[in-house]
Amino acid sequence: MERKPQTYANHAKWDPWFHFFLAPVGLLMVVGSLLAVFRDPGWHSFRYIALSFWLFVLMFKTRIYSLKQQDRIIRLEERLRLASLLPDSLKPRIPELTEDQLIALRFASDAEAPALAERALDEHLTRKQIKQAVTSWRPDYWRT
């Protein structure tokens, strides 16, 4: 299957099972449980609300944990990549890059990463500013 080239405009990823099934159904369960408590207050209604909140929080915490792991791996990969790409004068500054800067720099091609990393350090660029500054996009099709 031919993939559409990734750019700043289309790099955000939607996970259909999470964004269009789990989250909406979870929200409906929470709303339904709140309505049940107001219509028929009792032990059964409160158990239903506790269970729906528990599942809703579990769903989001599980998603957040996997995204945080992904961010940790990206930070490691980018530090290693920058260590091989940056000139010796910039290598000692790699630890100064923030998590957001490292995550955004993954989209910069090897040719433009050194200059963009230096700009990010000197101008304190945000994740969004770095992504917008990338001219030769390095796609990341594997993230969740």
Foldseek 3Di string as FASTA:
>chain_A
DDDDDDALVPQDDDDCCVPVPVQVVLVVQLVVLVVCCVVPNDDVSVVSNVVSVVSNVVSVVVVVVLVVVVLVVLLVVLLVLCCVQEDPVCNVCSVVDDSLRSNLLVQADSVCSHVLVVCCNVVVDGNSRSRVPHDRTDHDPPDD
